[in-house]
Amino acid sequence: MIPDFFQSPEQVNHIGLWKSIFGILLVLFATFVGVEIRLGNEDEEQ
């Protein structure tokens, strides 16, 4: 067991966690924006 190997993944996992959270928020934001645009277009057509 190499101690250096077990110390470095903590920082990588921490950065990966923030990337995952940011990605999920970005997808949710894009989804809500898409729904709002679609609802706005339906209102204009009627």
Protein backbone atom coordinates (compact mmCIF):
# COMPACT_ATOMS: atom_id res chain seq x y z
CA MET A 1 0.00 0.00 0.00
CA ILE A 2 1.44 3.32 -1.07
CA PRO A 3 0.35 6.26 1.13
CA ASP A 4 0.77 8.81 -1.69
CA PHE A 5 -1.72 6.91 -3.82
CA PHE A 6 -4.42 7.26 -1.15
CA GLN A 7 -3.79 10.95 -0.49
CA SER A 8 -4.20 12.28 -4.03
CA PRO A 9 -7.66 10.82 -4.94
CA GLU A 10 -9.31 12.86 -2.16
CA GLN A 11 -8.60 16.12 -4.01
CA VAL A 12 -9.58 14.59 -7.35
CA ASN A 13 -12.85 13.29 -5.89
CA HIS A 14 -13.51 16.70 -4.33
CA ILE A 15 -13.07 18.42 -7.70
CA GLY A 16 -15.12 15.70 -9.38
CA LEU A 17 -17.90 16.24 -6.85
CA TRP A 18 -18.04 19.96 -7.61
CA LYS A 19 -18.05 19.24 -11.36
CA SER A 20 -20.93 16.80 -10.88
CA ILE A 21 -22.95 19.28 -8.82
CA PHE A 22 -22.32 22.05 -11.35
CA GLY A 23 -23.28 19.73 -14.22
CA ILE A 24 -26.54 18.70 -12.55
CA LEU A 25 -27.45 22.33 -11.82
CA LEU A 26 -26.65 23.28 -15.41
CA VAL A 27 -28.86 20.51 -16.78
CA LEU A 28 -31.73 21.45 -14.46
CA PHE A 29 -31.40 25.12 -15.41
CA ALA A 30 -31.38 24.29 -19.12
CA THR A 31 -34.43 22.05 -18.67
CA PHE A 32 -36.42 24.78 -16.92
CA VAL A 33 -35.41 27.36 -19.52
CA GLY A 34 -36.48 24.98 -22.30
CA VAL A 35 -39.86 24.42 -20.63
CA GLU A 36 -40.40 28.16 -20.22
CA ILE A 37 -39.57 28.81 -23.89
CA ARG A 38 -41.92 26.03 -25.00
CA LEU A 39 -44.75 27.35 -22.81
CA GLY A 40 -44.10 30.87 -24.10
CA ASN A 41 -44.36 29.72 -27.72
CA GLU A 42 -47.64 27.91 -27.04
CA ASP A 43 -49.12 31.07 -25.54
CA GLU A 44 -48.16 33.12 -28.61
CA GLU A 45 -49.68 30.62 -31.04
CA GLN A 46 -53.15 30.77 -29.45
